Amino acid sequence: MKLSDGFDARRLRPKGPCRWRWRFAAALAALFAGIGVLLAMAGLAAVLGRATTLGPLNTTPVNGAVLLVLGVMLLWGGVRAWRGCRRRGTRHSDLSLAPHLMKKD
């Protein structure tokens, strides 16, 4: 027998703050990580002596090493920020069921 009598499950979960800010921050962090990959590749090519990608910016291996370090740092920071934004974007106040209650027999 189904007892619905005006029951609304959405009332059990209060509406939290909007998460579009975290999504925008995660997209920006992913963009930084992508730029970091490109800079690291250009720096590695300059260190190996095969680069004409960024013009006069990477004419010497020293400038290429600086680009490589800058790209790796930007990649690391972007991935770390993206993971942090993804973690904060999820709501921890949702209703949770024990795993054994979700089994279907």
N, C-alpha and C. Protein backbone atom coordinates (compact mmCIF):
# COMPACT_ATOMS: atom_id res chain seq x y z
N MET A 1 0.84 -1.18 0.00
CA MET A 1 0.00 0.00 0.00
C MET A 1 0.89 1.24 0.00
N LYS A 2 0.56 2.17 -0.85
CA LYS A 2 1.37 3.37 -0.99
C LYS A 2 0.73 4.51 -0.21
N LEU A 3 1.50 5.08 0.70
CA LEU A 3 1.02 6.22 1.47
C LEU A 3 1.79 7.47 1.02
N SER A 4 1.18 8.26 0.19
CA SER A 4 1.89 9.44 -0.27
C SER A 4 1.40 10.71 0.43
N ASP A 5 0.18 10.87 0.71
CA ASP A 5 -0.43 11.96 1.48
C ASP A 5 0.37 13.26 1.48
N GLY A 6 0.73 13.73 0.34
CA GLY A 6 1.43 15.01 0.26
C GLY A 6 2.90 14.95 0.64
N PHE A 7 3.47 13.77 0.65
CA PHE A 7 4.89 13.64 0.98
C PHE A 7 5.75 14.13 -0.18
N ASP A 8 6.70 14.97 0.13
CA ASP A 8 7.60 15.49 -0.89
C ASP A 8 9.04 15.27 -0.40
N ALA A 9 9.76 14.43 -1.12
CA ALA A 9 11.12 14.09 -0.70
C ALA A 9 12.06 15.29 -0.81
N ARG A 10 11.73 16.26 -1.64
CA ARG A 10 12.61 17.42 -1.79
C ARG A 10 12.65 18.28 -0.53
N ARG A 11 11.65 18.15 0.33
CA ARG A 11 11.68 18.90 1.58
C ARG A 11 12.73 18.37 2.54
N LEU A 12 13.12 17.12 2.39
CA LEU A 12 14.12 16.55 3.28
C LEU A 12 15.51 17.10 3.02
N ARG A 13 15.74 17.55 1.82
CA ARG A 13 17.05 18.09 1.45
C ARG A 13 16.94 19.59 1.28
N PRO A 14 17.47 20.34 2.22
CA PRO A 14 17.40 21.79 2.06
C PRO A 14 18.25 22.24 0.87
N LYS A 15 17.77 23.23 0.19
CA LYS A 15 18.49 23.71 -0.99
C LYS A 15 19.75 24.44 -0.53
N GLY A 16 20.86 23.96 -0.99
CA GLY A 16 22.14 24.55 -0.62
C GLY A 16 22.50 25.69 -1.53
N PRO A 17 23.66 26.28 -1.31
CA PRO A 17 24.09 27.37 -2.18
C PRO A 17 24.39 26.86 -3.59
N CYS A 18 24.29 27.75 -4.54
CA CYS A 18 24.53 27.34 -5.93
C CYS A 18 26.01 27.00 -6.12
N ARG A 19 26.26 26.08 -7.01
CA ARG A 19 27.61 25.58 -7.20
C ARG A 19 28.25 26.08 -8.48
N TRP A 20 27.69 27.08 -9.11
CA TRP A 20 28.26 27.54 -10.37
C TRP A 20 29.61 28.19 -10.16
N ARG A 21 29.86 28.77 -9.00
CA ARG A 21 31.17 29.38 -8.73
C ARG A 21 32.27 28.33 -8.71
N TRP A 22 31.96 27.19 -8.09
CA TRP A 22 32.96 26.12 -8.03
C TRP A 22 33.20 25.53 -9.40
N ARG A 23 32.15 25.45 -10.21
CA ARG A 23 32.32 24.94 -11.57
C ARG A 23 33.16 25.89 -12.41
N PHE A 24 32.93 27.19 -12.26
CA PHE A 24 33.73 28.17 -12.99
C PHE A 24 35.18 28.13 -12.53
N ALA A 25 35.40 28.01 -11.22
CA ALA A 25 36.76 27.92 -10.70
C ALA A 25 37.45 26.64 -11.18
N ALA A 26 36.70 25.55 -11.26
CA ALA A 26 37.28 24.29 -11.74
C ALA A 26 37.64 24.40 -13.22
N ALA A 27 36.81 25.07 -14.00
CA ALA A 27 37.13 25.27 -15.42
C ALA A 27 38.35 26.16 -15.59
N LEU A 28 38.47 27.19 -14.78
CA LEU A 28 39.63 28.07 -14.83
C LEU A 28 40.89 27.32 -14.42
N ALA A 29 40.80 26.48 -13.41
CA ALA A 29 41.95 25.68 -12.98
C ALA A 29 42.36 24.68 -14.06
N ALA A 30 41.38 24.09 -14.75
CA ALA A 30 41.70 23.17 -15.84
C ALA A 30 42.36 23.92 -17.00
N LEU A 31 41.94 25.16 -17.23
CA LEU A 31 42.58 25.97 -18.26
C LEU A 31 44.04 26.26 -17.89
N PHE A 32 44.29 26.57 -16.62
CA PHE A 32 45.66 26.79 -16.17
C PHE A 32 46.50 25.53 -16.32
N ALA A 33 45.92 24.39 -16.03
CA ALA A 33 46.65 23.13 -16.19
C ALA A 33 46.99 22.89 -17.67
N GLY A 34 46.07 23.19 -18.54
CA GLY A 34 46.33 23.03 -19.97
C GLY A 34 47.42 23.97 -20.47
N ILE A 35 47.39 25.21 -20.01
CA ILE A 35 48.45 26.16 -20.36
C ILE A 35 49.79 25.69 -19.80
N GLY A 36 49.76 25.11 -18.60
CA GLY A 36 50.98 24.57 -18.02
C GLY A 36 51.56 23.44 -18.85
N VAL A 37 50.72 22.59 -19.39
CA VAL A 37 51.20 21.51 -20.25
C VAL A 37 51.86 22.08 -21.50
N LEU A 38 51.22 23.06 -22.11
CA LEU A 38 51.79 23.67 -23.31
C LEU A 38 53.12 24.36 -23.03
N LEU A 39 53.21 25.09 -21.92
CA LEU A 39 54.46 25.74 -21.57
C LEU A 39 55.56 24.72 -21.27
N ALA A 40 55.20 23.64 -20.59
CA ALA A 40 56.19 22.61 -20.28
C ALA A 40 56.69 21.95 -21.56
N MET A 41 55.80 21.70 -22.51
CA MET A 41 56.23 21.11 -23.77
C MET A 41 57.13 22.06 -24.55
N ALA A 42 56.80 23.35 -24.57
CA ALA A 42 57.63 24.32 -25.27
C ALA A 42 58.99 24.45 -24.58
N GLY A 43 59.00 24.43 -23.25
CA GLY A 43 60.26 24.51 -22.53
C GLY A 43 61.12 23.29 -22.74
N LEU A 44 60.52 22.12 -22.77
CA LEU A 44 61.28 20.89 -23.02
C LEU A 44 61.86 20.89 -24.43
N ALA A 45 61.08 21.36 -25.38
CA ALA A 45 61.60 21.44 -26.75
C ALA A 45 62.76 22.42 -26.84
N ALA A 46 62.71 23.51 -26.09
CA ALA A 46 63.81 24.49 -26.10
C ALA A 46 65.05 23.92 -25.43
N VAL A 47 64.85 23.16 -24.36
CA VAL A 47 66.00 22.55 -23.68
C VAL A 47 66.67 21.53 -24.59
N LEU A 48 65.89 20.80 -25.34
CA LEU A 48 66.44 19.80 -26.25
C LEU A 48 67.00 20.42 -27.53
N GLY A 49 66.79 21.71 -27.73
CA GLY A 49 67.34 22.39 -28.89
C GLY A 49 66.51 22.27 -30.14
N ARG A 50 65.23 21.95 -30.02
CA ARG A 50 64.37 21.75 -31.19
C ARG A 50 63.26 22.79 -31.28
N ALA A 51 63.43 23.92 -30.64
CA ALA A 51 62.27 24.80 -30.51
C ALA A 51 62.39 26.08 -31.31
N THR A 52 61.34 26.40 -31.98
CA THR A 52 61.12 27.73 -32.54
C THR A 52 59.66 28.10 -32.30
N THR A 53 59.07 27.51 -31.26
CA THR A 53 57.63 27.67 -31.05
C THR A 53 57.23 29.02 -30.50
N LEU A 54 58.01 29.56 -29.56
CA LEU A 54 57.61 30.83 -28.96
C LEU A 54 58.49 31.99 -29.40
N GLY A 55 59.17 31.85 -30.49
CA GLY A 55 59.97 32.94 -31.03
C GLY A 55 61.17 33.28 -30.16
N PRO A 56 61.38 34.55 -29.87
CA PRO A 56 62.57 34.96 -29.12
C PRO A 56 62.50 34.62 -27.63
N LEU A 57 61.37 34.14 -27.15
CA LEU A 57 61.23 33.85 -25.72
C LEU A 57 62.06 32.65 -25.29
N ASN A 58 62.26 31.70 -26.18
CA ASN A 58 62.97 30.49 -25.79
C ASN A 58 64.16 30.20 -26.72
N THR A 59 64.98 31.19 -26.95
CA THR A 59 66.10 30.98 -27.86
C THR A 59 67.26 30.24 -27.20
N THR A 60 67.38 30.32 -25.90
CA THR A 60 68.48 29.65 -25.21
C THR A 60 67.94 28.51 -24.36
N PRO A 61 68.78 27.54 -24.05
CA PRO A 61 68.34 26.46 -23.16
C PRO A 61 68.00 26.93 -21.75
N VAL A 62 68.60 28.03 -21.32
CA VAL A 62 68.27 28.56 -19.99
C VAL A 62 66.84 29.08 -19.96
N ASN A 63 66.44 29.80 -21.00
CA ASN A 63 65.06 30.27 -21.09
C ASN A 63 64.10 29.08 -21.24
N GLY A 64 64.53 28.07 -21.94
CA GLY A 64 63.70 26.87 -22.06
C GLY A 64 63.52 26.16 -20.73
N ALA A 65 64.58 26.13 -19.92
CA ALA A 65 64.47 25.51 -18.60
C ALA A 65 63.52 26.31 -17.71
N VAL A 66 63.57 27.63 -17.83
CA VAL A 66 62.64 28.47 -17.06
C VAL A 66 61.21 28.20 -17.49
N LEU A 67 60.98 28.09 -18.79
CA LEU A 67 59.64 27.76 -19.29
C LEU A 67 59.19 26.39 -18.83
N LEU A 68 60.11 25.44 -18.82
CA LEU A 68 59.77 24.09 -18.38
C LEU A 68 59.36 24.09 -16.91
N VAL A 69 60.12 24.76 -16.07
CA VAL A 69 59.79 24.82 -14.64
C VAL A 69 58.49 25.57 -14.42
N LEU A 70 58.30 26.68 -15.13
CA LEU A 70 57.07 27.44 -15.01
C LEU A 70 55.86 26.62 -15.47
N GLY A 71 56.02 25.89 -16.55
CA GLY A 71 54.92 25.04 -17.05
C GLY A 71 54.56 23.92 -16.09
N VAL A 72 55.58 23.28 -15.52
CA VAL A 72 55.31 22.20 -14.57
C VAL A 72 54.64 22.74 -13.31
N MET A 73 55.09 23.90 -12.84
CA MET A 73 54.45 24.50 -11.65
C MET A 73 53.01 24.91 -11.94
N LEU A 74 52.77 25.46 -13.13
CA LEU A 74 51.41 25.84 -13.49
C LEU A 74 50.52 24.62 -13.66
N LEU A 75 51.06 23.56 -14.22
CA LEU A 75 50.31 22.31 -14.35
C LEU A 75 49.98 21.74 -12.97
N TRP A 76 50.96 21.71 -12.10
CA TRP A 76 50.74 21.17 -10.74
C TRP A 76 49.71 22.00 -9.98
N GLY A 77 49.85 23.33 -10.05
CA GLY A 77 48.89 24.19 -9.36
C GLY A 77 47.49 24.08 -9.94
N GLY A 78 47.38 23.98 -11.26
CA GLY A 78 46.07 23.85 -11.89
C GLY A 78 45.37 22.56 -11.54
N VAL A 79 46.12 21.46 -11.53
CA VAL A 79 45.52 20.17 -11.17
C VAL A 79 45.11 20.17 -9.70
N ARG A 80 45.94 20.73 -8.86
CA ARG A 80 45.62 20.78 -7.42
C ARG A 80 44.38 21.65 -7.17
N ALA A 81 44.31 22.80 -7.82
CA ALA A 81 43.14 23.68 -7.67
C ALA A 81 41.89 23.02 -8.25
N TRP A 82 42.02 22.33 -9.38
CA TRP A 82 40.87 21.66 -9.97
C TRP A 82 40.32 20.59 -9.04
N ARG A 83 41.21 19.81 -8.45
CA ARG A 83 40.76 18.78 -7.52
C ARG A 83 40.10 19.39 -6.29
N GLY A 84 40.65 20.50 -5.80
CA GLY A 84 40.04 21.17 -4.65
C GLY A 84 38.66 21.73 -4.97
N CYS A 85 38.51 22.30 -6.15
CA CYS A 85 37.20 22.83 -6.54
C CYS A 85 36.19 21.71 -6.73
N ARG A 86 36.62 20.60 -7.29
CA ARG A 86 35.71 19.46 -7.45
C ARG A 86 35.28 18.91 -6.09
N ARG A 87 36.20 18.89 -5.15
CA ARG A 87 35.88 18.38 -3.82
C ARG A 87 34.92 19.31 -3.09
N ARG A 88 35.13 20.62 -3.21
CA ARG A 88 34.25 21.57 -2.54
C ARG A 88 32.92 21.74 -3.24
N GLY A 89 32.87 21.41 -4.52
CA GLY A 89 31.63 21.55 -5.26
C GLY A 89 30.60 20.47 -4.93
N THR A 90 31.05 19.37 -4.38
CA THR A 90 30.10 18.32 -4.01
C THR A 90 29.51 18.64 -2.65
N ARG A 91 28.28 18.33 -2.50
CA ARG A 91 27.61 18.60 -1.23
C ARG A 91 27.81 17.43 -0.28
N HIS A 92 28.21 17.76 0.93
CA HIS A 92 28.40 16.71 1.93
C HIS A 92 27.20 16.56 2.85
N SER A 93 26.19 17.40 2.68
CA SER A 93 25.04 17.35 3.57
C SER A 93 23.88 16.56 2.98
N ASP A 94 24.10 15.84 1.90
CA ASP A 94 23.03 15.04 1.31
C ASP A 94 22.65 13.89 2.22
N LEU A 95 21.46 13.41 2.00
CA LEU A 95 21.03 12.23 2.73
C LEU A 95 21.82 11.03 2.22
N SER A 96 22.29 10.23 3.13
CA SER A 96 23.06 9.06 2.75
C SER A 96 22.41 7.82 3.34
N LEU A 97 22.42 6.78 2.56
CA LEU A 97 21.91 5.51 3.03
C LEU A 97 23.07 4.56 3.24
N ALA A 98 22.92 3.67 4.18
CA ALA A 98 23.93 2.64 4.39
C ALA A 98 23.97 1.74 3.16
N PRO A 99 25.14 1.23 2.79
CA PRO A 99 25.24 0.41 1.58
C PRO A 99 24.35 -0.83 1.61
N HIS A 100 24.13 -1.41 2.77
CA HIS A 100 23.30 -2.62 2.81
C HIS A 100 21.83 -2.31 2.62
N LEU A 101 21.42 -1.05 2.80
CA LEU A 101 20.02 -0.69 2.58
C LEU A 101 19.73 -0.44 1.10
N MET A 102 20.76 -0.26 0.30
CA MET A 102 20.56 0.01 -1.11
C MET A 102 20.56 -1.26 -1.97
N LYS A 103 20.80 -2.40 -1.36
CA LYS A 103 20.80 -3.65 -2.11
C LYS A 103 19.37 -4.02 -2.51
N LYS A 104 19.24 -4.54 -3.71
CA LYS A 104 17.93 -4.99 -4.17
C LYS A 104 17.93 -6.51 -4.14
N ASP A 105 17.00 -7.07 -3.44
CA ASP A 105 16.88 -8.55 -3.35
C ASP A 105 15.85 -9.08 -4.29
